[in-house]
């Protein structure tokens, strides 16, 4: 399934990059930017970033379930990812508001 139509990046590509990061350090914070960089791509319109964050969360949960990681640590990590999602959403809203004001003028 294609997640990013700007770069033709699939869900499998994203999951593979995330799993690679988790194999190196299972407790690191993975962002859409890091995933795209790993795939030798960059966010263009960044409309896919919220979906990429969802894939990061799902893949991270699945990874830690398979590794039987302590649930307290997994919850802390997922909280950090949720904060990243909030920052991405806020930035998107600011961009949309700025574009609205630029086109209204």
N, C-alpha and C. Protein backbone atom coordinates (compact mmCIF):
# COMPACT_ATOMS: atom_id res chain seq x y z
N UNK A 1 0.84 -1.18 0.00
CA UNK A 1 0.00 0.00 0.00
C UNK A 1 0.90 1.25 0.00
N UNK A 2 0.63 2.16 -0.90
CA UNK A 2 1.41 3.40 -0.98
C UNK A 2 0.91 4.37 0.08
N UNK A 3 1.84 4.83 0.92
CA UNK A 3 1.53 5.77 1.99
C UNK A 3 1.86 7.19 1.55
N UNK A 4 2.98 7.35 0.85
CA UNK A 4 3.40 8.67 0.37
C UNK A 4 3.39 8.65 -1.16
N UNK A 5 2.41 9.34 -1.72
CA UNK A 5 2.32 9.36 -3.17
C UNK A 5 3.32 10.32 -3.80
N UNK A 6 3.83 11.28 -3.02
CA UNK A 6 4.85 12.20 -3.55
C UNK A 6 6.15 11.46 -3.87
N UNK A 7 6.51 10.51 -3.01
CA UNK A 7 7.77 9.78 -3.16
C UNK A 7 7.57 8.31 -3.52
N UNK A 8 6.34 7.87 -3.65
CA UNK A 8 6.00 6.47 -3.88
C UNK A 8 6.68 5.60 -2.81
N UNK A 9 6.32 5.83 -1.56
CA UNK A 9 6.83 5.07 -0.43
C UNK A 9 5.69 4.21 0.09
N UNK A 10 5.97 2.93 0.24
CA UNK A 10 4.93 2.00 0.68
C UNK A 10 4.99 1.77 2.19
N UNK A 11 3.93 1.19 2.70
CA UNK A 11 3.87 0.83 4.11
C UNK A 11 5.01 -0.13 4.44
N UNK A 12 5.27 -1.09 3.56
CA UNK A 12 6.34 -2.07 3.79
C UNK A 12 7.70 -1.37 3.88
N UNK A 13 7.95 -0.38 3.03
CA UNK A 13 9.20 0.39 3.09
C UNK A 13 9.34 1.05 4.45
N UNK A 14 8.27 1.67 4.91
CA UNK A 14 8.28 2.39 6.18
C UNK A 14 8.50 1.42 7.34
N UNK A 15 7.77 0.32 7.34
CA UNK A 15 7.90 -0.67 8.42
C UNK A 15 9.31 -1.25 8.47
N UNK A 16 9.90 -1.49 7.32
CA UNK A 16 11.26 -2.03 7.27
C UNK A 16 12.26 -1.04 7.87
N UNK A 17 12.11 0.23 7.53
CA UNK A 17 13.01 1.26 8.08
C UNK A 17 12.85 1.35 9.59
N UNK A 18 11.61 1.33 10.07
CA UNK A 18 11.35 1.42 11.50
C UNK A 18 11.95 0.23 12.23
N UNK A 19 11.74 -0.96 11.72
CA UNK A 19 12.28 -2.17 12.34
C UNK A 19 13.81 -2.11 12.38
N UNK A 20 14.42 -1.58 11.34
CA UNK A 20 15.87 -1.41 11.33
C UNK A 20 16.33 -0.49 12.44
N UNK A 21 15.62 0.62 12.63
CA UNK A 21 15.95 1.53 13.73
C UNK A 21 15.79 0.83 15.07
N UNK A 22 14.69 0.11 15.25
CA UNK A 22 14.42 -0.55 16.53
C UNK A 22 15.43 -1.66 16.82
N UNK A 23 15.93 -2.32 15.78
CA UNK A 23 16.95 -3.35 15.99
C UNK A 23 18.24 -2.74 16.55
N UNK A 24 18.54 -1.50 16.17
CA UNK A 24 19.73 -0.81 16.67
C UNK A 24 19.51 -0.30 18.09
N UNK A 25 18.36 0.35 18.32
CA UNK A 25 18.03 0.89 19.64
C UNK A 25 16.52 0.86 19.80
N UNK A 26 16.01 -0.12 20.54
CA UNK A 26 14.56 -0.27 20.63
C UNK A 26 13.84 0.85 21.38
N UNK A 27 14.57 1.76 22.00
CA UNK A 27 13.94 2.82 22.80
C UNK A 27 14.12 4.21 22.19
N UNK A 28 14.63 4.28 20.98
CA UNK A 28 14.83 5.59 20.36
C UNK A 28 13.50 6.15 19.85
N UNK A 29 13.47 7.45 19.71
CA UNK A 29 12.31 8.13 19.14
C UNK A 29 12.49 8.19 17.63
N UNK A 30 11.56 7.60 16.93
CA UNK A 30 11.61 7.56 15.47
C UNK A 30 10.60 8.57 14.93
N UNK A 31 11.05 9.42 14.05
CA UNK A 31 10.19 10.44 13.46
C UNK A 31 10.01 10.17 11.96
N UNK A 32 8.96 10.74 11.38
CA UNK A 32 8.79 10.58 9.93
C UNK A 32 10.01 11.08 9.15
N UNK A 33 10.60 12.17 9.61
CA UNK A 33 11.79 12.69 8.92
C UNK A 33 12.93 11.69 8.90
N UNK A 34 13.14 11.01 10.03
CA UNK A 34 14.21 10.00 10.08
C UNK A 34 13.88 8.83 9.16
N UNK A 35 12.61 8.43 9.12
CA UNK A 35 12.20 7.32 8.24
C UNK A 35 12.46 7.70 6.78
N UNK A 36 12.04 8.89 6.39
CA UNK A 36 12.23 9.31 5.00
C UNK A 36 13.71 9.44 4.67
N UNK A 37 14.49 9.95 5.60
CA UNK A 37 15.93 10.07 5.38
C UNK A 37 16.54 8.67 5.16
N UNK A 38 16.12 7.72 5.97
CA UNK A 38 16.61 6.34 5.82
C UNK A 38 16.25 5.78 4.45
N UNK A 39 15.12 6.20 3.91
CA UNK A 39 14.67 5.73 2.60
C UNK A 39 15.21 6.60 1.45
N UNK A 40 16.15 7.50 1.79
CA UNK A 40 16.74 8.43 0.81
C UNK A 40 15.66 9.28 0.13
N UNK A 41 14.68 9.67 0.92
CA UNK A 41 13.60 10.54 0.45
C UNK A 41 13.50 11.72 1.41
N UNK A 42 12.61 12.64 1.08
CA UNK A 42 12.32 13.74 2.01
C UNK A 42 10.84 14.04 1.92
N UNK A 43 10.31 14.57 3.01
CA UNK A 43 8.91 14.97 2.99
C UNK A 43 8.71 16.11 2.01
N UNK A 44 7.77 15.98 1.14
CA UNK A 44 7.49 17.05 0.17
C UNK A 44 6.28 17.85 0.66
N UNK A 45 5.10 17.29 0.55
CA UNK A 45 3.93 18.00 1.05
C UNK A 45 3.70 17.67 2.53
N UNK A 46 4.28 16.57 3.00
CA UNK A 46 4.21 16.10 4.39
C UNK A 46 2.79 15.73 4.82
N UNK A 47 1.90 15.60 3.88
CA UNK A 47 0.54 15.18 4.20
C UNK A 47 0.46 13.75 4.72
N UNK A 48 1.46 12.97 4.41
CA UNK A 48 1.49 11.57 4.86
C UNK A 48 2.05 11.41 6.27
N UNK A 49 2.67 12.45 6.81
CA UNK A 49 3.36 12.32 8.09
C UNK A 49 2.47 11.81 9.23
N UNK A 50 1.22 12.28 9.37
CA UNK A 50 0.39 11.70 10.43
C UNK A 50 0.18 10.19 10.25
N UNK A 51 0.01 9.75 9.03
CA UNK A 51 -0.13 8.32 8.78
C UNK A 51 1.17 7.57 9.05
N UNK A 52 2.30 8.20 8.73
CA UNK A 52 3.60 7.58 9.02
C UNK A 52 3.78 7.44 10.53
N UNK A 53 3.35 8.45 11.28
CA UNK A 53 3.44 8.36 12.73
C UNK A 53 2.59 7.20 13.23
N UNK A 54 1.41 7.02 12.66
CA UNK A 54 0.57 5.88 13.05
C UNK A 54 1.28 4.56 12.77
N UNK A 55 1.96 4.47 11.64
CA UNK A 55 2.71 3.25 11.30
C UNK A 55 3.87 3.07 12.27
N UNK A 56 4.53 4.16 12.66
CA UNK A 56 5.61 4.08 13.64
C UNK A 56 5.07 3.50 14.95
N UNK A 57 3.93 4.01 15.40
CA UNK A 57 3.33 3.52 16.64
C UNK A 57 2.98 2.04 16.52
N UNK A 58 2.30 1.66 15.47
CA UNK A 58 1.87 0.27 15.29
C UNK A 58 3.07 -0.68 15.19
N UNK A 59 4.06 -0.28 14.41
CA UNK A 59 5.24 -1.14 14.23
C UNK A 59 6.02 -1.24 15.53
N UNK A 60 6.13 -0.13 16.26
CA UNK A 60 6.85 -0.14 17.54
C UNK A 60 6.13 -1.02 18.55
N UNK A 61 4.80 -0.92 18.61
CA UNK A 61 4.03 -1.77 19.52
C UNK A 61 4.22 -3.24 19.18
N UNK A 62 4.12 -3.56 17.92
CA UNK A 62 4.28 -4.96 17.48
C UNK A 62 5.69 -5.46 17.79
N UNK A 63 6.69 -4.63 17.54
CA UNK A 63 8.09 -4.99 17.80
C UNK A 63 8.28 -5.31 19.28
N UNK A 64 7.81 -4.42 20.14
CA UNK A 64 8.01 -4.62 21.58
C UNK A 64 7.16 -5.77 22.12
N UNK A 65 6.02 -6.04 21.52
CA UNK A 65 5.22 -7.19 21.93
C UNK A 65 5.97 -8.49 21.62
N UNK A 66 6.59 -8.54 20.45
CA UNK A 66 7.36 -9.73 20.08
C UNK A 66 8.59 -9.91 20.97
N UNK A 67 9.19 -8.80 21.39
CA UNK A 67 10.37 -8.84 22.25
C UNK A 67 10.01 -8.97 23.73
N UNK A 68 8.69 -8.90 24.01
CA UNK A 68 8.20 -8.97 25.40
C UNK A 68 8.86 -7.92 26.28
N UNK A 69 8.92 -6.70 25.77
CA UNK A 69 9.50 -5.57 26.49
C UNK A 69 8.61 -5.20 27.68
N UNK A 70 9.20 -4.62 28.74
CA UNK A 70 8.40 -4.19 29.89
C UNK A 70 7.36 -3.14 29.46
N UNK A 71 6.11 -3.35 29.82
CA UNK A 71 5.03 -2.47 29.35
C UNK A 71 5.20 -1.03 29.80
N UNK A 72 5.77 -0.78 30.97
CA UNK A 72 5.96 0.60 31.44
C UNK A 72 6.87 1.35 30.48
N UNK A 73 7.93 0.73 30.03
CA UNK A 73 8.84 1.40 29.11
C UNK A 73 8.18 1.63 27.75
N UNK A 74 7.36 0.68 27.32
CA UNK A 74 6.67 0.83 26.03
C UNK A 74 5.69 2.00 26.11
N UNK A 75 4.96 2.11 27.21
CA UNK A 75 4.01 3.21 27.37
C UNK A 75 4.74 4.55 27.35
N UNK A 76 5.88 4.65 28.01
CA UNK A 76 6.66 5.89 28.00
C UNK A 76 7.09 6.24 26.58
N UNK A 77 7.54 5.24 25.83
CA UNK A 77 7.97 5.48 24.45
C UNK A 77 6.79 5.94 23.60
N UNK A 78 5.65 5.29 23.75
CA UNK A 78 4.48 5.66 22.96
C UNK A 78 3.98 7.06 23.33
N UNK A 79 4.14 7.44 24.58
CA UNK A 79 3.80 8.82 24.98
C UNK A 79 4.69 9.82 24.26
N UNK A 80 5.98 9.51 24.13
CA UNK A 80 6.90 10.39 23.41
C UNK A 80 6.49 10.49 21.94
N UNK A 81 6.06 9.38 21.36
CA UNK A 81 5.62 9.40 19.96
C UNK A 81 4.35 10.24 19.83
N UNK A 82 3.44 10.13 20.79
CA UNK A 82 2.20 10.91 20.76
C UNK A 82 2.52 12.41 20.81
N UNK A 83 3.49 12.79 21.61
CA UNK A 83 3.88 14.20 21.67
C UNK A 83 4.42 14.65 20.32
N UNK A 84 5.17 13.78 19.65
CA UNK A 84 5.68 14.11 18.31
C UNK A 84 4.51 14.29 17.35
N UNK A 85 3.50 13.45 17.46
CA UNK A 85 2.31 13.56 16.59
C UNK A 85 1.63 14.90 16.81
N UNK A 86 1.52 15.32 18.06
CA UNK A 86 0.90 16.61 18.37
C UNK A 86 1.69 17.76 17.75
N UNK A 87 3.02 17.67 17.78
CA UNK A 87 3.84 18.72 17.17
C UNK A 87 3.65 18.77 15.66
N UNK A 88 3.57 17.61 15.02
CA UNK A 88 3.37 17.55 13.57
C UNK A 88 2.00 18.14 13.22
N UNK A 89 0.97 17.77 13.97
CA UNK A 89 -0.37 18.29 13.71
C UNK A 89 -0.42 19.80 13.90
N UNK A 90 0.23 20.30 14.96
CA UNK A 90 0.23 21.75 15.21
C UNK A 90 0.95 22.49 14.09
N UNK A 91 2.07 21.94 13.62
CA UNK A 91 2.80 22.57 12.52
C UNK A 91 1.96 22.59 11.25
N UNK A 92 1.23 21.52 11.00
CA UNK A 92 0.37 21.46 9.82
C UNK A 92 -0.73 22.51 9.92
N UNK A 93 -1.31 22.67 11.10
CA UNK A 93 -2.36 23.66 11.28
C UNK A 93 -1.82 25.08 11.10
N UNK A 94 -0.61 25.33 11.60
CA UNK A 94 0.00 26.65 11.41
C UNK A 94 0.24 26.93 9.93
N UNK A 95 0.74 25.92 9.20
CA UNK A 95 0.98 26.10 7.76
C UNK A 95 -0.33 26.37 7.03
N UNK A 96 -1.36 25.61 7.39
CA UNK A 96 -2.66 25.80 6.73
C UNK A 96 -3.22 27.18 7.00
N UNK A 97 -3.08 27.65 8.24
CA UNK A 97 -3.57 28.99 8.59
C UNK A 97 -2.77 30.05 7.84
N UNK A 98 -1.46 29.87 7.75
CA UNK A 98 -0.61 30.83 7.05
C UNK A 98 -0.99 30.86 5.57
N UNK A 99 -1.18 29.70 4.96
CA UNK A 99 -1.56 29.63 3.55
C UNK A 99 -2.92 30.27 3.32
N UNK A 100 -3.83 30.07 4.28
CA UNK A 100 -5.17 30.67 4.16
C UNK A 100 -5.06 32.19 4.14
N UNK A 101 -4.24 32.73 5.05
CA UNK A 101 -4.09 34.19 5.12
C UNK A 101 -3.38 34.72 3.89
N UNK A 102 -2.42 33.98 3.35
CA UNK A 102 -1.69 34.43 2.16
C UNK A 102 -2.59 34.45 0.93
N UNK A 103 -3.49 33.47 0.82
CA UNK A 103 -4.37 33.42 -0.35
C UNK A 103 -5.56 34.35 -0.21
N UNK A 104 -5.91 34.72 1.03
CA UNK A 104 -7.04 35.63 1.26
C UNK A 104 -6.66 37.08 0.98
N UNK A 105 -5.38 37.36 1.02
CA UNK A 105 -4.93 38.76 0.85
C UNK A 105 -4.88 39.19 -0.59
